[in-house]
Amino acid sequence: MAINKVMVVDDSPTERHVLGDILGKKGFLVVYAENGEKAVENAKLEQPDLILMDVVMPGLNGFQATKIITRDPATQHIPIIICTTKGQETDKIWGLRQGAKDYITKPIGAAELLGKIAALG
């Protein structure tokens, strides 16, 4: 599956900008959501090829949003990579159990991120 459109979900404008910049320079079309609720809504509307999901956000957190998106027939085909500061092994296992395809701990390097995306494509 070719990955062209990527949705970046993060409540931090700085993180959204950093990830968007990395992706934009590589030719990806980037769309954004600033929280879990918007991520669920935009996943249906935008139908991105990949979602990069933060965990720690107000309201619906990234684990909850991932679970909703990966269990909804309209969005379950969209792979999710969790991108978070939560680096404990238990967090990683929990994220993958919610349906994420991969898990990256912040700060995220461009090479690591692009490598993970390439592995999905």
PDB file of N, CA and C in Angstrom:
ATOM      1  N   MET A   1       0.839  -1.185   0.000  1.00  0.00           N
ATOM      2  CA  MET A   1       0.000   0.000   0.000  1.00  0.00           C
ATOM      3  C   MET A   1       0.885   1.249   0.000  1.00  0.00           C
ATOM      4  N   ALA A   2       0.642   2.123  -0.923  1.00  0.00           N
ATOM      5  CA  ALA A   2       1.417   3.364  -0.994  1.00  0.00           C
ATOM      6  C   ALA A   2       0.910   4.339   0.073  1.00  0.00           C
ATOM      7  N   ILE A   3       1.836   4.949   0.774  1.00  0.00           N
ATOM      8  CA  ILE A   3       1.469   5.936   1.787  1.00  0.00           C
ATOM      9  C   ILE A   3       1.745   7.321   1.229  1.00  0.00           C
ATOM     10  N   ASN A   4       0.677   8.086   1.028  1.00  0.00           N
ATOM     11  CA  ASN A   4       0.802   9.442   0.503  1.00  0.00           C
ATOM     12  C   ASN A   4       0.310  10.481   1.504  1.00  0.00           C
ATOM     13  N   LYS A   5      -0.875  10.214   2.099  1.00  0.00           N
ATOM     14  CA  LYS A   5      -1.479  11.169   3.021  1.00  0.00           C
ATOM     15  C   LYS A   5      -1.289  10.666   4.455  1.00  0.00           C
ATOM     16  N   VAL A   6      -0.703  11.518   5.292  1.00  0.00           N
ATOM     17  CA  VAL A   6      -0.435  11.161   6.686  1.00  0.00           C
ATOM     18  C   VAL A   6      -1.133  12.161   7.604  1.00  0.00           C
ATOM     19  N   MET A   7      -1.875  11.647   8.588  1.00  0.00           N
ATOM     20  CA  MET A   7      -2.485  12.526   9.581  1.00  0.00           C
ATOM     21  C   MET A   7      -1.620  12.520  10.842  1.00  0.00           C
ATOM     22  N   VAL A   8      -1.218  13.718  11.268  1.00  0.00           N
ATOM     23  CA  VAL A   8      -0.439  13.892  12.488  1.00  0.00           C
ATOM     24  C   VAL A   8      -1.397  14.337  13.588  1.00  0.00           C
ATOM     25  N   VAL A   9      -1.455  13.537  14.662  1.00  0.00           N
ATOM     26  CA  VAL A   9      -2.345  13.844  15.784  1.00  0.00           C
ATOM     27  C   VAL A   9      -1.487  14.173  16.996  1.00  0.00           C
ATOM     28  N   ASP A  10      -1.540  15.423  17.443  1.00  0.00           N
ATOM     29  CA  ASP A  10      -0.763  15.840  18.617  1.00  0.00           C
ATOM     30  C   ASP A  10      -1.359  17.140  19.144  1.00  0.00           C
ATOM     31  N   ASP A  11      -1.452  17.265  20.458  1.00  0.00           N
ATOM     32  CA  ASP A  11      -1.995  18.499  21.036  1.00  0.00           C
ATOM     33  C   ASP A  11      -0.958  19.613  21.072  1.00  0.00           C
ATOM     34  N   SER A  12       0.293  19.285  20.791  1.00  0.00           N
ATOM     35  CA  SER A  12       1.357  20.288  20.779  1.00  0.00           C
ATOM     36  C   SER A  12       1.550  20.851  19.370  1.00  0.00           C
ATOM     37  N   PRO A  13       1.332  22.159  19.188  1.00  0.00           N
ATOM     38  CA  PRO A  13       1.565  22.760  17.866  1.00  0.00           C
ATOM     39  C   PRO A  13       3.003  22.555  17.393  1.00  0.00           C
ATOM     40  N   THR A  14       3.952  22.561  18.336  1.00  0.00           N
ATOM     41  CA  THR A  14       5.361  22.370  17.986  1.00  0.00           C
ATOM     42  C   THR A  14       5.584  20.978  17.413  1.00  0.00           C
ATOM     43  N   GLU A  15       5.060  19.964  18.094  1.00  0.00           N
ATOM     44  CA  GLU A  15       5.210  18.580  17.607  1.00  0.00           C
ATOM     45  C   GLU A  15       4.546  18.408  16.246  1.00  0.00           C
ATOM     46  N   ARG A  16       3.348  18.984  16.080  1.00  0.00           N
ATOM     47  CA  ARG A  16       2.657  18.892  14.784  1.00  0.00           C
ATOM     48  C   ARG A  16       3.528  19.508  13.690  1.00  0.00           C
ATOM     49  N   HIS A  17       4.135  20.659  13.999  1.00  0.00           N
ATOM     50  CA  HIS A  17       4.984  21.343  13.022  1.00  0.00           C
ATOM     51  C   HIS A  17       6.222  20.508  12.685  1.00  0.00           C
ATOM     52  N   VAL A  18       6.893  19.977  13.705  1.00  0.00           N
ATOM     53  CA  VAL A  18       8.119  19.200  13.495  1.00  0.00           C
ATOM     54  C   VAL A  18       7.833  17.963  12.634  1.00  0.00           C
ATOM     55  N   LEU A  19       6.809  17.205  13.005  1.00  0.00           N
ATOM     56  CA  LEU A  19       6.484  16.006  12.237  1.00  0.00           C
ATOM     57  C   LEU A  19       5.995  16.365  10.838  1.00  0.00           C
ATOM     58  N   GLY A  20       5.184  17.411  10.748  1.00  0.00           N
ATOM     59  CA  GLY A  20       4.687  17.860   9.448  1.00  0.00           C
ATOM     60  C   GLY A  20       5.816  18.292   8.527  1.00  0.00           C
ATOM     61  N   ASP A  21       6.820  18.927   9.098  1.00  0.00           N
ATOM     62  CA  ASP A  21       7.976  19.388   8.331  1.00  0.00           C
ATOM     63  C   ASP A  21       8.766  18.200   7.780  1.00  0.00           C
ATOM     64  N   ILE A  22       9.024  17.203   8.641  1.00  0.00           N
ATOM     65  CA  ILE A  22       9.748  15.999   8.212  1.00  0.00           C
ATOM     66  C   ILE A  22       8.999  15.332   7.055  1.00  0.00           C
ATOM     67  N   LEU A  23       7.698  15.170   7.225  1.00  0.00           N
ATOM     68  CA  LEU A  23       6.886  14.478   6.219  1.00  0.00           C
ATOM     69  C   LEU A  23       6.744  15.301   4.940  1.00  0.00           C
ATOM     70  N   GLY A  24       6.497  16.598   5.101  1.00  0.00           N
ATOM     71  CA  GLY A  24       6.329  17.478   3.946  1.00  0.00           C
ATOM     72  C   GLY A  24       7.553  17.507   3.052  1.00  0.00           C
ATOM     73  N   LYS A  25       8.741  17.509   3.666  1.00  0.00           N
ATOM     74  CA  LYS A  25       9.986  17.531   2.896  1.00  0.00           C
ATOM     75  C   LYS A  25      10.174  16.257   2.087  1.00  0.00           C
ATOM     76  N   LYS A  26       9.522  15.187   2.492  1.00  0.00           N
ATOM     77  CA  LYS A  26       9.618  13.905   1.775  1.00  0.00           C
ATOM     78  C   LYS A  26       8.448  13.709   0.815  1.00  0.00           C
ATOM     79  N   GLY A  27       7.624  14.750   0.663  1.00  0.00           N
ATOM     80  CA  GLY A  27       6.559  14.688  -0.326  1.00  0.00           C
ATOM     81  C   GLY A  27       5.229  14.134   0.143  1.00  0.00           C
ATOM     82  N   PHE A  28       5.094  13.884   1.444  1.00  0.00           N
ATOM     83  CA  PHE A  28       3.811  13.404   1.957  1.00  0.00           C
ATOM     84  C   PHE A  28       2.823  14.563   2.058  1.00  0.00           C
ATOM     85  N   LEU A  29       1.560  14.287   1.809  1.00  0.00           N
ATOM     86  CA  LEU A  29       0.493  15.246   2.068  1.00  0.00           C
ATOM     87  C   LEU A  29       0.155  15.079   3.545  1.00  0.00           C
ATOM     88  N   VAL A  30       0.230  16.160   4.317  1.00  0.00           N
ATOM     89  CA  VAL A  30       0.030  16.072   5.765  1.00  0.00           C
ATOM     90  C   VAL A  30      -1.254  16.780   6.170  1.00  0.00           C
ATOM     91  N   VAL A  31      -2.069  16.083   6.953  1.00  0.00           N
ATOM     92  CA  VAL A  31      -3.255  16.674   7.567  1.00  0.00           C
ATOM     93  C   VAL A  31      -3.090  16.533   9.070  1.00  0.00           C
ATOM     94  N   TYR A  32      -3.842  17.342   9.827  1.00  0.00           N
ATOM     95  CA  TYR A  32      -3.597  17.415  11.263  1.00  0.00           C
ATOM     96  C   TYR A  32      -4.871  17.250  12.084  1.00  0.00           C
ATOM     97  N   ALA A  33      -4.669  16.783  13.312  1.00  0.00           N
ATOM     98  CA  ALA A  33      -5.719  16.776  14.323  1.00  0.00           C
ATOM     99  C   ALA A  33      -5.039  17.126  15.639  1.00  0.00           C
ATOM    100  N   GLU A  34      -5.697  17.981  16.440  1.00  0.00           N
ATOM    101  CA  GLU A  34      -5.059  18.439  17.681  1.00  0.00           C
ATOM    102  C   GLU A  34      -5.490  17.664  18.913  1.00  0.00           C
ATOM    103  N   ASN A  35      -6.378  16.668  18.749  1.00  0.00           N
ATOM    104  CA  ASN A  35      -6.777  15.837  19.894  1.00  0.00           C
ATOM    105  C   ASN A  35      -7.390  14.523  19.399  1.00  0.00           C
ATOM    106  N   GLY A  36      -7.689  13.642  20.346  1.00  0.00           N
ATOM    107  CA  GLY A  36      -8.221  12.328  20.002  1.00  0.00           C
ATOM    108  C   GLY A  36      -9.569  12.368  19.318  1.00  0.00           C
ATOM    109  N   GLU A  37     -10.446  13.258  19.768  1.00  0.00           N
ATOM    110  CA  GLU A  37     -11.776  13.368  19.161  1.00  0.00           C
ATOM    111  C   GLU A  37     -11.665  13.775  17.693  1.00  0.00           C
ATOM    112  N   LYS A  38     -10.816  14.782  17.421  1.00  0.00           N
ATOM    113  CA  LYS A  38     -10.602  15.240  16.046  1.00  0.00           C
ATOM    114  C   LYS A  38      -9.959  14.141  15.203  1.00  0.00           C
ATOM    115  N   ALA A  39      -9.083  13.358  15.831  1.00  0.00           N
ATOM    116  CA  ALA A  39      -8.420  12.264  15.101  1.00  0.00           C
ATOM    117  C   ALA A  39      -9.445  11.258  14.600  1.00  0.00           C
ATOM    118  N   VAL A  40     -10.393  10.886  15.459  1.00  0.00           N
ATOM    119  CA  VAL A  40     -11.433   9.923  15.090  1.00  0.00           C
ATOM    120  C   VAL A  40     -12.291  10.504  13.960  1.00  0.00           C
ATOM    121  N   GLU A  41     -12.684  11.756  14.116  1.00  0.00           N
ATOM    122  CA  GLU A  41     -13.513  12.439  13.119  1.00  0.00           C
ATOM    123  C   GLU A  41     -12.778  12.577  11.779  1.00  0.00           C
ATOM    124  N   ASN A  42     -11.514  13.060  11.836  1.00  0.00           N
ATOM    125  CA  ASN A  42     -10.743  13.294  10.613  1.00  0.00           C
ATOM    126  C   ASN A  42     -10.319  12.000   9.920  1.00  0.00           C
ATOM    127  N   ALA A  43     -10.151  10.922  10.688  1.00  0.00           N
ATOM    128  CA  ALA A  43      -9.804   9.639  10.070  1.00  0.00           C
ATOM    129  C   ALA A  43     -10.904   9.226   9.095  1.00  0.00           C
ATOM    130  N   LYS A  44     -12.162   9.441   9.490  1.00  0.00           N
ATOM    131  CA  LYS A  44     -13.296   9.106   8.610  1.00  0.00           C
ATOM    132  C   LYS A  44     -13.378  10.063   7.423  1.00  0.00           C
ATOM    133  N   LEU A  45     -13.206  11.357   7.674  1.00  0.00           N
ATOM    134  CA  LEU A  45     -13.334  12.369   6.627  1.00  0.00           C
ATOM    135  C   LEU A  45     -12.175  12.345   5.628  1.00  0.00           C
ATOM    136  N   GLU A  46     -10.962  12.302   6.153  1.00  0.00           N
ATOM    137  CA  GLU A  46      -9.760  12.433   5.320  1.00  0.00           C
ATOM    138  C   GLU A  46      -9.284  11.103   4.726  1.00  0.00           C
ATOM    139  N   GLN A  47      -9.598   9.989   5.409  1.00  0.00           N
ATOM    140  CA  GLN A  47      -9.121   8.665   5.000  1.00  0.00           C
ATOM    141  C   GLN A  47      -7.607   8.693   4.694  1.00  0.00           C
ATOM    142  N   PRO A  48      -6.789   9.079   5.694  1.00  0.00           N
ATOM    143  CA  PRO A  48      -5.341   9.118   5.450  1.00  0.00           C
ATOM    144  C   PRO A  48      -4.791   7.698   5.254  1.00  0.00           C
ATOM    145  N   ASP A  49      -3.599   7.607   4.682  1.00  0.00           N
ATOM    146  CA  ASP A  49      -2.946   6.317   4.472  1.00  0.00           C
ATOM    147  C   ASP A  49      -2.214   5.863   5.728  1.00  0.00           C
ATOM    148  N   LEU A  50      -2.000   6.797   6.663  1.00  0.00           N
ATOM    149  CA  LEU A  50      -1.282   6.518   7.901  1.00  0.00           C
ATOM    150  C   LEU A  50      -1.642   7.592   8.923  1.00  0.00           C
ATOM    151  N   ILE A  51      -1.685   7.198  10.198  1.00  0.00           N
ATOM    152  CA  ILE A  51      -1.906   8.150  11.286  1.00  0.00           C
ATOM    153  C   ILE A  51      -0.730   8.056  12.254  1.00  0.00           C
ATOM    154  N   LEU A  52      -0.151   9.213  12.592  1.00  0.00           N
ATOM    155  CA  LEU A  52       0.857   9.296  13.649  1.00  0.00           C
ATOM    156  C   LEU A  52       0.136   9.855  14.870  1.00  0.00           C
ATOM    157  N   MET A  53       0.046   9.057  15.920  1.00  0.00           N
ATOM    158  CA  MET A  53      -0.823   9.356  17.063  1.00  0.00           C
ATOM    159  C   MET A  53      -0.038   9.604  18.347  1.00  0.00           C
ATOM    160  N   ASP A  54      -0.202  10.800  18.905  1.00  0.00           N
ATOM    161  CA  ASP A  54       0.329  11.099  20.235  1.00  0.00           C
ATOM    162  C   ASP A  54      -0.558  10.371  21.252  1.00  0.00           C
ATOM    163  N   VAL A  55      -0.072  10.182  22.467  1.00  0.00           N
ATOM    164  CA  VAL A  55      -0.879   9.518  23.494  1.00  0.00           C
ATOM    165  C   VAL A  55      -1.438  10.519  24.492  1.00  0.00           C
ATOM    166  N   VAL A  56      -0.572  11.356  25.060  1.00  0.00           N
ATOM    167  CA  VAL A  56      -0.977  12.242  26.145  1.00  0.00           C
ATOM    168  C   VAL A  56      -1.630  13.497  25.561  1.00  0.00           C
ATOM    169  N   MET A  57      -2.968  13.498  25.563  1.00  0.00           N
ATOM    170  CA  MET A  57      -3.748  14.625  25.056  1.00  0.00           C
ATOM    171  C   MET A  57      -4.973  14.793  25.939  1.00  0.00           C
ATOM    172  N   PRO A  58      -5.493  16.027  26.026  1.00  0.00           N
ATOM    173  CA  PRO A  58      -6.723  16.226  26.814  1.00  0.00           C
ATOM    174  C   PRO A  58      -7.907  15.536  26.134  1.00  0.00           C
ATOM    175  N   GLY A  59      -8.890  15.144  26.914  1.00  0.00           N
ATOM    176  CA  GLY A  59     -10.054  14.448  26.361  1.00  0.00           C
ATOM    177  C   GLY A  59      -9.685  13.014  26.026  1.00  0.00           C
ATOM    178  N   LEU A  60     -10.036  12.614  24.830  1.00  0.00           N
ATOM    179  CA  LEU A  60      -9.741  11.260  24.355  1.00  0.00           C
ATOM    180  C   LEU A  60      -8.237  11.136  24.154  1.00  0.00           C
ATOM    181  N   ASN A  61      -7.581  10.211  24.864  1.00  0.00           N
ATOM    182  CA  ASN A  61      -6.134  10.083  24.673  1.00  0.00           C
ATOM    183  C   ASN A  61      -5.827   9.225  23.441  1.00  0.00           C
ATOM    184  N   GLY A  62      -4.550   9.158  23.094  1.00  0.00           N
ATOM    185  CA  GLY A  62      -4.141   8.451  21.886  1.00  0.00           C
ATOM    186  C   GLY A  62      -4.445   6.962  21.905  1.00  0.00           C
ATOM    187  N   PHE A  63      -4.339   6.333  23.077  1.00  0.00           N
ATOM    188  CA  PHE A  63      -4.680   4.906  23.169  1.00  0.00           C
ATOM    189  C   PHE A  63      -6.159   4.702  22.863  1.00  0.00           C
ATOM    190  N   GLN A  64      -7.014   5.559  23.444  1.00  0.00           N
ATOM    191  CA  GLN A  64      -8.459   5.448  23.228  1.00  0.00           C
ATOM    192  C   GLN A  64      -8.817   5.725  21.768  1.00  0.00           C
ATOM    193  N   ALA A  65      -8.231   6.766  21.190  1.00  0.00           N
ATOM    194  CA  ALA A  65      -8.511   7.113  19.794  1.00  0.00           C
ATOM    195  C   ALA A  65      -8.047   6.000  18.857  1.00  0.00           C
ATOM    196  N   THR A  66      -6.881   5.420  19.153  1.00  0.00           N
ATOM    197  CA  THR A  66      -6.366   4.314  18.343  1.00  0.00           C
ATOM    198  C   THR A  66      -7.331   3.135  18.368  1.00  0.00           C
ATOM    199  N   LYS A  67      -7.817   2.813  19.547  1.00  0.00           N
ATOM    200  CA  LYS A  67      -8.755   1.693  19.685  1.00  0.00           C
ATOM    201  C   LYS A  67     -10.031   1.943  18.873  1.00  0.00           C
ATOM    202  N   ILE A  68     -10.570   3.155  18.947  1.00  0.00           N
ATOM    203  CA  ILE A  68     -11.795   3.494  18.214  1.00  0.00           C
ATOM    204  C   ILE A  68     -11.555   3.400  16.702  1.00  0.00           C
ATOM    205  N   ILE A  69     -10.457   3.990  16.234  1.00  0.00           N
ATOM    206  CA  ILE A  69     -10.162   4.015  14.791  1.00  0.00           C
ATOM    207  C   ILE A  69      -9.907   2.604  14.249  1.00  0.00           C
ATOM    208  N   THR A  70      -9.164   1.801  14.997  1.00  0.00           N
ATOM    209  CA  THR A  70      -8.814   0.466  14.491  1.00  0.00           C
ATOM    210  C   THR A  70      -9.962  -0.535  14.601  1.00  0.00           C
ATOM    211  N   ARG A  71     -11.022  -0.167  15.307  1.00  0.00           N
ATOM    212  CA  ARG A  71     -12.161  -1.070  15.417  1.00  0.00           C
ATOM    213  C   ARG A  71     -13.379  -0.624  14.602  1.00  0.00           C
ATOM    214  N   ASP A  72     -13.274   0.543  13.980  1.00  0.00           N
ATOM    215  CA  ASP A  72     -14.374   1.069  13.157  1.00  0.00           C
ATOM    216  C   ASP A  72     -14.182   0.562  11.720  1.00  0.00           C
ATOM    217  N   PRO A  73     -15.195  -0.101  11.152  1.00  0.00           N
ATOM    218  CA  PRO A  73     -15.058  -0.611   9.783  1.00  0.00           C
ATOM    219  C   PRO A  73     -14.674   0.460   8.762  1.00  0.00           C
ATOM    220  N   ALA A  74     -15.053   1.709   9.004  1.00  0.00           N
ATOM    221  CA  ALA A  74     -14.752   2.796   8.064  1.00  0.00           C
ATOM    222  C   ALA A  74     -13.281   3.217   8.110  1.00  0.00           C
ATOM    223  N   THR A  75     -12.589   2.892   9.213  1.00  0.00           N
ATOM    224  CA  THR A  75     -11.206   3.371   9.382  1.00  0.00           C
ATOM    225  C   THR A  75     -10.220   2.272   9.793  1.00  0.00           C
ATOM    226  N   GLN A  76     -10.680   1.064   9.984  1.00  0.00           N
ATOM    227  CA  GLN A  76      -9.799   0.019  10.532  1.00  0.00           C
ATOM    228  C   GLN A  76      -8.631  -0.349   9.609  1.00  0.00           C
ATOM    229  N   HIS A  77      -8.718   0.007   8.335  1.00  0.00           N
ATOM    230  CA  HIS A  77      -7.644  -0.278   7.383  1.00  0.00           C
ATOM    231  C   HIS A  77      -6.468   0.699   7.509  1.00  0.00           C
ATOM    232  N   ILE A  78      -6.654   1.788   8.248  1.00  0.00           N
ATOM    233  CA  ILE A  78      -5.614   2.824   8.350  1.00  0.00           C
ATOM    234  C   ILE A  78      -4.594   2.430   9.421  1.00  0.00           C
ATOM    235  N   PRO A  79      -3.327   2.244   9.041  1.00  0.00           N
ATOM    236  CA  PRO A  79      -2.324   1.911  10.061  1.00  0.00           C
ATOM    237  C   PRO A  79      -2.029   3.114  10.951  1.00  0.00           C
ATOM    238  N   ILE A  80      -1.745   2.831  12.207  1.00  0.00           N
ATOM    239  CA  ILE A  80      -1.423   3.882  13.178  1.00  0.00           C
ATOM    240  C   ILE A  80      -0.060   3.598  13.792  1.00  0.00           C
ATOM    241  N   ILE A  81       0.789   4.631  13.825  1.00  0.00           N
ATOM    242  CA  ILE A  81       2.047   4.560  14.571  1.00  0.00           C
ATOM    243  C   ILE A  81       1.899   5.516  15.739  1.00  0.00           C
ATOM    244  N   ILE A  82       2.048   4.991  16.940  1.00  0.00           N
ATOM    245  CA  ILE A  82       1.973   5.835  18.126  1.00  0.00           C
ATOM    246  C   ILE A  82       3.318   6.533  18.307  1.00  0.00           C
ATOM    247  N   CYS A  83       3.266   7.854  18.510  1.00  0.00           N
ATOM    248  CA  CYS A  83       4.456   8.691  18.693  1.00  0.00           C
ATOM    249  C   CYS A  83       4.291   9.420  20.025  1.00  0.00           C
ATOM    250  N   THR A  84       5.021   9.006  21.040  1.00  0.00           N
ATOM    251  CA  THR A  84       4.755   9.516  22.385  1.00  0.00           C
ATOM    252  C   THR A  84       5.999   9.609  23.249  1.00  0.00           C
ATOM    253  N   THR A  85       5.876  10.341  24.344  1.00  0.00           N
ATOM    254  CA  THR A  85       6.946  10.399  25.347  1.00  0.00           C
ATOM    255  C   THR A  85       6.862   9.196  26.292  1.00  0.00           C
ATOM    256  N   LYS A  86       5.744   8.470  26.247  1.00  0.00           N
ATOM    257  CA  LYS A  86       5.562   7.329  27.148  1.00  0.00           C
ATOM    258  C   LYS A  86       6.407   6.151  26.657  1.00  0.00           C
ATOM    259  N   GLY A  87       7.564   5.971  27.285  1.00  0.00           N
ATOM    260  CA  GLY A  87       8.532   4.999  26.791  1.00  0.00           C
ATOM    261  C   GLY A  87       8.594   3.672  27.526  1.00  0.00           C
ATOM    262  N   GLN A  88       7.692   3.455  28.474  1.00  0.00           N
ATOM    263  CA  GLN A  88       7.709   2.194  29.216  1.00  0.00           C
ATOM    264  C   GLN A  88       7.285   1.042  28.305  1.00  0.00           C
ATOM    265  N   GLU A  89       7.851  -0.133  28.547  1.00  0.00           N
ATOM    266  CA  GLU A  89       7.490  -1.310  27.755  1.00  0.00           C
ATOM    267  C   GLU A  89       5.993  -1.609  27.873  1.00  0.00           C
ATOM    268  N   THR A  90       5.424  -1.399  29.068  1.00  0.00           N
ATOM    269  CA  THR A  90       3.984  -1.646  29.254  1.00  0.00           C
ATOM    270  C   THR A  90       3.149  -0.707  28.391  1.00  0.00           C
ATOM    271  N   ASP A  91       3.606   0.553  28.220  1.00  0.00           N
ATOM    272  CA  ASP A  91       2.899   1.504  27.351  1.00  0.00           C
ATOM    273  C   ASP A  91       2.927   1.018  25.906  1.00  0.00           C
ATOM    274  N   LYS A  92       4.098   0.547  25.479  1.00  0.00           N
ATOM    275  CA  LYS A  92       4.251   0.059  24.109  1.00  0.00           C
ATOM    276  C   LYS A  92       3.331  -1.141  23.866  1.00  0.00           C
ATOM    277  N   ILE A  93       3.341  -2.080  24.781  1.00  0.00           N
ATOM    278  CA  ILE A  93       2.483  -3.261  24.645  1.00  0.00           C
ATOM    279  C   ILE A  93       1.019  -2.845  24.601  1.00  0.00           C
ATOM    280  N   TRP A  94       0.623  -1.926  25.480  1.00  0.00           N
ATOM    281  CA  TRP A  94      -0.762  -1.453  25.518  1.00  0.00           C
ATOM    282  C   TRP A  94      -1.139  -0.778  24.199  1.00  0.00           C
ATOM    283  N   GLY A  95      -0.251   0.066  23.680  1.00  0.00           N
ATOM    284  CA  GLY A  95      -0.506   0.751  22.411  1.00  0.00           C
ATOM    285  C   GLY A  95      -0.713  -0.229  21.268  1.00  0.00           C
ATOM    286  N   LEU A  96       0.125  -1.247  21.211  1.00  0.00           N
ATOM    287  CA  LEU A  96       0.000  -2.251  20.153  1.00  0.00           C
ATOM    288  C   LEU A  96      -1.280  -3.072  20.337  1.00  0.00           C
ATOM    289  N   ARG A  97      -1.661  -3.306  21.573  1.00  0.00           N
ATOM    290  CA  ARG A  97      -2.920  -4.027  21.839  1.00  0.00           C
ATOM    291  C   ARG A  97      -4.141  -3.224  21.405  1.00  0.00           C
ATOM    292  N   GLN A  98      -4.021  -1.899  21.389  1.00  0.00           N
ATOM    293  CA  GLN A  98      -5.139  -1.051  20.960  1.00  0.00           C
ATOM    294  C   GLN A  98      -5.287  -1.051  19.442  1.00  0.00           C
ATOM    295  N   GLY A  99      -4.289  -1.609  18.755  1.00  0.00           N
ATOM    296  CA  GLY A  99      -4.372  -1.723  17.310  1.00  0.00           C
ATOM    297  C   GLY A  99      -3.281  -0.995  16.542  1.00  0.00           C
ATOM    298  N   ALA A 100      -2.372  -0.313  17.246  1.00  0.00           N
ATOM    299  CA  ALA A 100      -1.283   0.387  16.557  1.00  0.00           C
ATOM    300  C   ALA A 100      -0.361  -0.621  15.880  1.00  0.00           C
ATOM    301  N   LYS A 101       0.189  -0.216  14.749  1.00  0.00           N
ATOM    302  CA  LYS A 101       1.122  -1.072  14.001  1.00  0.00           C
ATOM    303  C   LYS A 101       2.550  -0.924  14.503  1.00  0.00           C
ATOM    304  N   ASP A 102       2.853   0.249  15.094  1.00  0.00           N
ATOM    305  CA  ASP A 102       4.206   0.494  15.578  1.00  0.00           C
ATOM    306  C   ASP A 102       4.162   1.558  16.663  1.00  0.00           C
ATOM    307  N   TYR A 103       5.301   1.792  17.291  1.00  0.00           N
ATOM    308  CA  TYR A 103       5.369   2.663  18.466  1.00  0.00           C
ATOM    309  C   TYR A 103       6.730   3.346  18.467  1.00  0.00           C
ATOM    310  N   ILE A 104       6.735   4.674  18.468  1.00  0.00           N
ATOM    311  CA  ILE A 104       7.985   5.436  18.486  1.00  0.00           C
ATOM    312  C   ILE A 104       7.969   6.342  19.714  1.00  0.00           C
ATOM    313  N   THR A 105       9.114   6.400  20.398  1.00  0.00           N
ATOM    314  CA  THR A 105       9.225   7.264  21.571  1.00  0.00           C
ATOM    315  C   THR A 105       9.859   8.600  21.170  1.00  0.00           C
ATOM    316  N   LYS A 106       9.255   9.697  21.659  1.00  0.00           N
ATOM    317  CA  LYS A 106       9.787  11.046  21.403  1.00  0.00           C
ATOM    318  C   LYS A 106      11.054  11.261  22.223  1.00  0.00           C
ATOM    319  N   PRO A 107      11.979  12.101  21.777  1.00  0.00           N
ATOM    320  CA  PRO A 107      11.942  12.858  20.532  1.00  0.00           C
ATOM    321  C   PRO A 107      12.137  11.940  19.328  1.00  0.00           C
ATOM    322  N   ILE A 108      11.425  12.249  18.254  1.00  0.00           N
ATOM    323  CA  ILE A 108      11.417  11.398  17.073  1.00  0.00           C
ATOM    324  C   ILE A 108      12.406  11.925  16.048  1.00  0.00           C
ATOM    325  N   GLY A 109      13.314  11.051  15.632  1.00  0.00           N
ATOM    326  CA  GLY A 109      14.266  11.416  14.582  1.00  0.00           C
ATOM    327  C   GLY A 109      13.657  11.166  13.217  1.00  0.00           C
ATOM    328  N   ALA A 110      14.042  11.991  12.252  1.00  0.00           N
ATOM    329  CA  ALA A 110      13.509  11.857  10.897  1.00  0.00           C
ATOM    330  C   ALA A 110      13.798  10.472  10.312  1.00  0.00           C
ATOM    331  N   ALA A 111      15.029   9.991  10.484  1.00  0.00           N
ATOM    332  CA  ALA A 111      15.406   8.694   9.906  1.00  0.00           C
ATOM    333  C   ALA A 111      14.563   7.562  10.495  1.00  0.00           C
ATOM    334  N   GLU A 112      14.364   7.590  11.817  1.00  0.00           N
ATOM    335  CA  GLU A 112      13.568   6.545  12.467  1.00  0.00           C
ATOM    336  C   GLU A 112      12.125   6.587  11.960  1.00  0.00           C
ATOM    337  N   LEU A 113      11.543   7.786  11.931  1.00  0.00           N
ATOM    338  CA  LEU A 113      10.162   7.934  11.488  1.00  0.00           C
ATOM    339  C   LEU A 113       9.986   7.461  10.052  1.00  0.00           C
ATOM    340  N   LEU A 114      10.843   7.926   9.160  1.00  0.00           N
ATOM    341  CA  LEU A 114      10.730   7.561   7.749  1.00  0.00           C
ATOM    342  C   LEU A 114      10.980   6.071   7.535  1.00  0.00           C
ATOM    343  N   GLY A 115      11.848   5.500   8.351  1.00  0.00           N
ATOM    344  CA  GLY A 115      12.106   4.047   8.280  1.00  0.00           C
ATOM    345  C   GLY A 115      10.862   3.249   8.666  1.00  0.00           C
ATOM    346  N   LYS A 116      10.180   3.694   9.715  1.00  0.00           N
ATOM    347  CA  LYS A 116       8.953   3.010  10.165  1.00  0.00           C
ATOM    348  C   LYS A 116       7.858   3.117   9.095  1.00  0.00           C
ATOM    349  N   ILE A 117       7.753   4.303   8.476  1.00  0.00           N
ATOM    350  CA  ILE A 117       6.749   4.497   7.427  1.00  0.00           C
ATOM    351  C   ILE A 117       7.062   3.614   6.235  1.00  0.00           C
ATOM    352  N   ALA A 118       8.334   3.555   5.850  1.00  0.00           N
ATOM    353  CA  ALA A 118       8.751   2.725   4.707  1.00  0.00           C
ATOM    354  C   ALA A 118       8.439   1.248   4.975  1.00  0.00           C
ATOM    355  N   ALA A 119       8.615   0.813   6.227  1.00  0.00           N
ATOM    356  CA  ALA A 119       8.360  -0.577   6.583  1.00  0.00           C
ATOM    357  C   ALA A 119       6.875  -0.939   6.429  1.00  0.00           C
ATOM    358  N   LEU A 120       5.991   0.047   6.580  1.00  0.00           N
ATOM    359  CA  LEU A 120       4.555  -0.195   6.422  1.00  0.00           C
ATOM    360  C   LEU A 120       4.127  -0.211   4.959  1.00  0.00           C
ATOM    361  N   GLY A 121       4.838   0.560   4.123  1.00  0.00           N
ATOM    362  CA  GLY A 121       4.419   0.801   2.745  1.00  0.00           C
ATOM    363  C   GLY A 121       4.501  -0.348   1.837  1.00  0.00           C
TER     364      GLY A 121
END
